[in-house]
Amino acid sequence: MAKIKVKKVKSAINRTKNQKLILEALGLKKIGQVVEHNDTPNILGMVKKVEHLVSVEEA
């Protein structure tokens, strides 16, 4: 299964509670932090909801 790297590039301040919970579920706490996830529909859906706060690249 393919992997993606997700990097937090913007703050979650003044964002909805749902967006904050999604970032936490992805494992992103600090700006600049990078996590690696499998390329599943669940993860891609979460990334889509916070795409303005993160950057994504294929690993």
PDB file of N, CA and C in Angstrom:
ATOM      1  N   MET A   1       0.842  -1.182   0.000  1.00  0.00           N
ATOM      2  CA  MET A   1       0.000   0.000   0.000  1.00  0.00           C
ATOM      3  C   MET A   1       0.890   1.249   0.000  1.00  0.00           C
ATOM      4  N   ALA A   2       0.484   2.251  -0.733  1.00  0.00           N
ATOM      5  CA  ALA A   2       1.261   3.487  -0.853  1.00  0.00           C
ATOM      6  C   ALA A   2       1.248   4.259   0.461  1.00  0.00           C
ATOM      7  N   LYS A   3       2.259   5.062   0.647  1.00  0.00           N
ATOM      8  CA  LYS A   3       2.384   5.898   1.845  1.00  0.00           C
ATOM      9  C   LYS A   3       2.351   7.364   1.426  1.00  0.00           C
ATOM     10  N   ILE A   4       1.839   8.219   2.317  1.00  0.00           N
ATOM     11  CA  ILE A   4       1.893   9.658   2.103  1.00  0.00           C
ATOM     12  C   ILE A   4       2.505  10.316   3.330  1.00  0.00           C
ATOM     13  N   LYS A   5       3.188  11.425   3.115  1.00  0.00           N
ATOM     14  CA  LYS A   5       3.725  12.233   4.202  1.00  0.00           C
ATOM     15  C   LYS A   5       2.865  13.478   4.326  1.00  0.00           C
ATOM     16  N   VAL A   6       2.395  13.736   5.539  1.00  0.00           N
ATOM     17  CA  VAL A   6       1.545  14.886   5.808  1.00  0.00           C
ATOM     18  C   VAL A   6       2.306  15.808   6.743  1.00  0.00           C
ATOM     19  N   LYS A   7       2.427  17.088   6.355  1.00  0.00           N
ATOM     20  CA  LYS A   7       3.162  18.069   7.143  1.00  0.00           C
ATOM     21  C   LYS A   7       2.234  19.219   7.511  1.00  0.00           C
ATOM     22  N   LYS A   8       2.218  19.566   8.783  1.00  0.00           N
ATOM     23  CA  LYS A   8       1.397  20.694   9.239  1.00  0.00           C
ATOM     24  C   LYS A   8       2.132  21.990   8.912  1.00  0.00           C
ATOM     25  N   VAL A   9       1.479  22.878   8.164  1.00  0.00           N
ATOM     26  CA  VAL A   9       2.134  24.114   7.740  1.00  0.00           C
ATOM     27  C   VAL A   9       1.456  25.364   8.284  1.00  0.00           C
ATOM     28  N   LYS A  10       0.239  25.245   8.835  1.00  0.00           N
ATOM     29  CA  LYS A  10      -0.465  26.393   9.398  1.00  0.00           C
ATOM     30  C   LYS A  10      -1.046  26.036  10.757  1.00  0.00           C
ATOM     31  N   SER A  11      -1.295  27.059  11.551  1.00  0.00           N
ATOM     32  CA  SER A  11      -1.826  26.877  12.892  1.00  0.00           C
ATOM     33  C   SER A  11      -3.300  26.506  12.867  1.00  0.00           C
ATOM     34  N   ALA A  12      -3.747  25.844  13.921  1.00  0.00           N
ATOM     35  CA  ALA A  12      -5.150  25.470  14.069  1.00  0.00           C
ATOM     36  C   ALA A  12      -5.923  26.493  14.895  1.00  0.00           C
ATOM     37  N   ILE A  13      -5.294  27.594  15.245  1.00  0.00           N
ATOM     38  CA  ILE A  13      -5.978  28.648  15.993  1.00  0.00           C
ATOM     39  C   ILE A  13      -7.079  29.246  15.110  1.00  0.00           C
ATOM     40  N   ASN A  14      -8.227  29.514  15.697  1.00  0.00           N
ATOM     41  CA  ASN A  14      -9.410  30.042  14.999  1.00  0.00           C
ATOM     42  C   ASN A  14      -9.947  29.093  13.943  1.00  0.00           C
ATOM     43  N   ARG A  15      -9.776  27.808  14.130  1.00  0.00           N
ATOM     44  CA  ARG A  15     -10.351  26.795  13.243  1.00  0.00           C
ATOM     45  C   ARG A  15     -11.476  26.087  13.992  1.00  0.00           C
ATOM     46  N   THR A  16     -12.310  25.396  13.262  1.00  0.00           N
ATOM     47  CA  THR A  16     -13.421  24.704  13.907  1.00  0.00           C
ATOM     48  C   THR A  16     -12.905  23.547  14.759  1.00  0.00           C
ATOM     49  N   LYS A  17     -13.731  23.127  15.705  1.00  0.00           N
ATOM     50  CA  LYS A  17     -13.349  22.025  16.585  1.00  0.00           C
ATOM     51  C   LYS A  17     -13.108  20.755  15.776  1.00  0.00           C
ATOM     52  N   ASN A  18     -13.924  20.554  14.732  1.00  0.00           N
ATOM     53  CA  ASN A  18     -13.778  19.379  13.887  1.00  0.00           C
ATOM     54  C   ASN A  18     -12.405  19.351  13.221  1.00  0.00           C
ATOM     55  N   GLN A  19     -11.942  20.488  12.718  1.00  0.00           N
ATOM     56  CA  GLN A  19     -10.631  20.550  12.069  1.00  0.00           C
ATOM     57  C   GLN A  19      -9.514  20.290  13.075  1.00  0.00           C
ATOM     58  N   LYS A  20      -9.659  20.808  14.279  1.00  0.00           N
ATOM     59  CA  LYS A  20      -8.651  20.565  15.318  1.00  0.00           C
ATOM     60  C   LYS A  20      -8.589  19.079  15.670  1.00  0.00           C
ATOM     61  N   LEU A  21      -9.757  18.439  15.758  1.00  0.00           N
ATOM     62  CA  LEU A  21      -9.800  17.006  16.076  1.00  0.00           C
ATOM     63  C   LEU A  21      -9.197  16.171  14.953  1.00  0.00           C
ATOM     64  N   ILE A  22      -9.402  16.583  13.714  1.00  0.00           N
ATOM     65  CA  ILE A  22      -8.826  15.863  12.583  1.00  0.00           C
ATOM     66  C   ILE A  22      -7.304  15.954  12.613  1.00  0.00           C
ATOM     67  N   LEU A  23      -6.769  17.140  12.887  1.00  0.00           N
ATOM     68  CA  LEU A  23      -5.309  17.286  12.976  1.00  0.00           C
ATOM     69  C   LEU A  23      -4.752  16.404  14.084  1.00  0.00           C
ATOM     70  N   GLU A  24      -5.441  16.362  15.212  1.00  0.00           N
ATOM     71  CA  GLU A  24      -4.990  15.525  16.321  1.00  0.00           C
ATOM     72  C   GLU A  24      -5.049  14.046  15.950  1.00  0.00           C
ATOM     73  N   ALA A  25      -6.095  13.649  15.230  1.00  0.00           N
ATOM     74  CA  ALA A  25      -6.233  12.255  14.813  1.00  0.00           C
ATOM     75  C   ALA A  25      -5.151  11.864  13.814  1.00  0.00           C
ATOM     76  N   LEU A  26      -4.711  12.816  13.007  1.00  0.00           N
ATOM     77  CA  LEU A  26      -3.618  12.552  12.072  1.00  0.00           C
ATOM     78  C   LEU A  26      -2.267  12.493  12.786  1.00  0.00           C
ATOM     79  N   GLY A  27      -2.220  12.951  14.033  1.00  0.00           N
ATOM     80  CA  GLY A  27      -0.972  12.926  14.796  1.00  0.00           C
ATOM     81  C   GLY A  27      -0.166  14.193  14.650  1.00  0.00           C
ATOM     82  N   LEU A  28      -0.812  15.279  14.219  1.00  0.00           N
ATOM     83  CA  LEU A  28      -0.108  16.544  14.006  1.00  0.00           C
ATOM     84  C   LEU A  28      -0.390  17.495  15.157  1.00  0.00           C
ATOM     85  N   LYS A  29       0.684  17.925  15.839  1.00  0.00           N
ATOM     86  CA  LYS A  29       0.529  18.844  16.959  1.00  0.00           C
ATOM     87  C   LYS A  29       1.217  20.172  16.680  1.00  0.00           C
ATOM     88  N   LYS A  30       2.455  20.129  16.208  1.00  0.00           N
ATOM     89  CA  LYS A  30       3.229  21.353  16.010  1.00  0.00           C
ATOM     90  C   LYS A  30       3.393  21.666  14.531  1.00  0.00           C
ATOM     91  N   ILE A  31       3.538  22.941  14.237  1.00  0.00           N
ATOM     92  CA  ILE A  31       3.800  23.360  12.862  1.00  0.00           C
ATOM     93  C   ILE A  31       5.158  22.820  12.447  1.00  0.00           C
ATOM     94  N   GLY A  32       5.222  22.250  11.258  1.00  0.00           N
ATOM     95  CA  GLY A  32       6.456  21.669  10.759  1.00  0.00           C
ATOM     96  C   GLY A  32       6.574  20.181  11.029  1.00  0.00           C
ATOM     97  N   GLN A  33       5.696  19.647  11.841  1.00  0.00           N
ATOM     98  CA  GLN A  33       5.733  18.217  12.157  1.00  0.00           C
ATOM     99  C   GLN A  33       5.278  17.405  10.945  1.00  0.00           C
ATOM    100  N   VAL A  34       5.961  16.295  10.692  1.00  0.00           N
ATOM    101  CA  VAL A  34       5.637  15.431   9.559  1.00  0.00           C
ATOM    102  C   VAL A  34       5.282  14.046  10.087  1.00  0.00           C
ATOM    103  N   VAL A  35       4.183  13.492   9.572  1.00  0.00           N
ATOM    104  CA  VAL A  35       3.787  12.120   9.906  1.00  0.00           C
ATOM    105  C   VAL A  35       3.567  11.358   8.609  1.00  0.00           C
ATOM    106  N   GLU A  36       3.720  10.053   8.691  1.00  0.00           N
ATOM    107  CA  GLU A  36       3.552   9.196   7.517  1.00  0.00           C
ATOM    108  C   GLU A  36       2.363   8.272   7.761  1.00  0.00           C
ATOM    109  N   HIS A  37       1.472   8.200   6.778  1.00  0.00           N
ATOM    110  CA  HIS A  37       0.282   7.368   6.876  1.00  0.00           C
ATOM    111  C   HIS A  37       0.136   6.543   5.612  1.00  0.00           C
ATOM    112  N   ASN A  38      -0.617   5.439   5.712  1.00  0.00           N
ATOM    113  CA  ASN A  38      -0.987   4.674   4.526  1.00  0.00           C
ATOM    114  C   ASN A  38      -1.996   5.481   3.709  1.00  0.00           C
ATOM    115  N   ASP A  39      -1.992   5.251   2.421  1.00  0.00           N
ATOM    116  CA  ASP A  39      -2.848   5.979   1.488  1.00  0.00           C
ATOM    117  C   ASP A  39      -4.229   5.314   1.418  1.00  0.00           C
ATOM    118  N   THR A  40      -5.007   5.440   2.506  1.00  0.00           N
ATOM    119  CA  THR A  40      -6.328   4.830   2.562  1.00  0.00           C
ATOM    120  C   THR A  40      -7.404   5.905   2.349  1.00  0.00           C
ATOM    121  N   PRO A  41      -8.599   5.494   1.970  1.00  0.00           N
ATOM    122  CA  PRO A  41      -9.682   6.475   1.794  1.00  0.00           C
ATOM    123  C   PRO A  41      -9.985   7.264   3.067  1.00  0.00           C
ATOM    124  N   ASN A  42      -9.860   6.632   4.238  1.00  0.00           N
ATOM    125  CA  ASN A  42     -10.118   7.329   5.499  1.00  0.00           C
ATOM    126  C   ASN A  42      -9.127   8.467   5.709  1.00  0.00           C
ATOM    127  N   ILE A  43      -7.854   8.187   5.519  1.00  0.00           N
ATOM    128  CA  ILE A  43      -6.813   9.192   5.716  1.00  0.00           C
ATOM    129  C   ILE A  43      -6.939  10.301   4.671  1.00  0.00           C
ATOM    130  N   LEU A  44      -7.207   9.923   3.419  1.00  0.00           N
ATOM    131  CA  LEU A  44      -7.346  10.929   2.363  1.00  0.00           C
ATOM    132  C   LEU A  44      -8.533  11.846   2.624  1.00  0.00           C
ATOM    133  N   GLY A  45      -9.614  11.309   3.183  1.00  0.00           N
ATOM    134  CA  GLY A  45     -10.766  12.130   3.531  1.00  0.00           C
ATOM    135  C   GLY A  45     -10.449  13.114   4.636  1.00  0.00           C
ATOM    136  N   MET A  46      -9.671  12.658   5.628  1.00  0.00           N
ATOM    137  CA  MET A  46      -9.267  13.552   6.713  1.00  0.00           C
ATOM    138  C   MET A  46      -8.358  14.653   6.190  1.00  0.00           C
ATOM    139  N   VAL A  47      -7.428  14.290   5.317  1.00  0.00           N
ATOM    140  CA  VAL A  47      -6.509  15.278   4.746  1.00  0.00           C
ATOM    141  C   VAL A  47      -7.292  16.293   3.915  1.00  0.00           C
ATOM    142  N   LYS A  48      -8.298  15.847   3.196  1.00  0.00           N
ATOM    143  CA  LYS A  48      -9.115  16.736   2.366  1.00  0.00           C
ATOM    144  C   LYS A  48      -9.812  17.801   3.217  1.00  0.00           C
ATOM    145  N   LYS A  49     -10.244  17.433   4.424  1.00  0.00           N
ATOM    146  CA  LYS A  49     -10.934  18.370   5.308  1.00  0.00           C
ATOM    147  C   LYS A  49     -10.020  19.469   5.837  1.00  0.00           C
ATOM    148  N   VAL A  50      -8.703  19.190   5.935  1.00  0.00           N
ATOM    149  CA  VAL A  50      -7.761  20.181   6.476  1.00  0.00           C
ATOM    150  C   VAL A  50      -6.658  20.507   5.475  1.00  0.00           C
ATOM    151  N   GLU A  51      -6.974  20.411   4.183  1.00  0.00           N
ATOM    152  CA  GLU A  51      -5.945  20.601   3.152  1.00  0.00           C
ATOM    153  C   GLU A  51      -5.347  22.008   3.157  1.00  0.00           C
ATOM    154  N   HIS A  52      -6.060  22.975   3.724  1.00  0.00           N
ATOM    155  CA  HIS A  52      -5.546  24.340   3.803  1.00  0.00           C
ATOM    156  C   HIS A  52      -4.557  24.514   4.966  1.00  0.00           C
ATOM    157  N   LEU A  53      -4.432  23.515   5.824  1.00  0.00           N
ATOM    158  CA  LEU A  53      -3.529  23.567   6.972  1.00  0.00           C
ATOM    159  C   LEU A  53      -2.316  22.655   6.823  1.00  0.00           C
ATOM    160  N   VAL A  54      -2.341  21.760   5.844  1.00  0.00           N
ATOM    161  CA  VAL A  54      -1.282  20.770   5.693  1.00  0.00           C
ATOM    162  C   VAL A  54      -0.770  20.730   4.255  1.00  0.00           C
ATOM    163  N   SER A  55       0.404  20.126   4.100  1.00  0.00           N
ATOM    164  CA  SER A  55       0.910  19.811   2.758  1.00  0.00           C
ATOM    165  C   SER A  55       1.118  18.299   2.700  1.00  0.00           C
ATOM    166  N   VAL A  56       0.895  17.734   1.517  1.00  0.00           N
ATOM    167  CA  VAL A  56       0.942  16.285   1.347  1.00  0.00           C
ATOM    168  C   VAL A  56       1.882  15.943   0.209  1.00  0.00           C
ATOM    169  N   GLU A  57       2.702  14.905   0.425  1.00  0.00           N
ATOM    170  CA  GLU A  57       3.549  14.392  -0.649  1.00  0.00           C
ATOM    171  C   GLU A  57       3.606  12.877  -0.546  1.00  0.00           C
ATOM    172  N   GLU A  58       3.864  12.235  -1.669  1.00  0.00           N
ATOM    173  CA  GLU A  58       3.955  10.782  -1.686  1.00  0.00           C
ATOM    174  C   GLU A  58       5.307  10.367  -1.124  1.00  0.00           C
ATOM    175  N   ALA A  59       5.297   9.301  -0.340  1.00  0.00           N
ATOM    176  CA  ALA A  59       6.548   8.827   0.267  1.00  0.00           C
ATOM    177  C   ALA A  59       7.153   7.721  -0.563  1.00  0.00           C
TER     178      ALA A  59
END
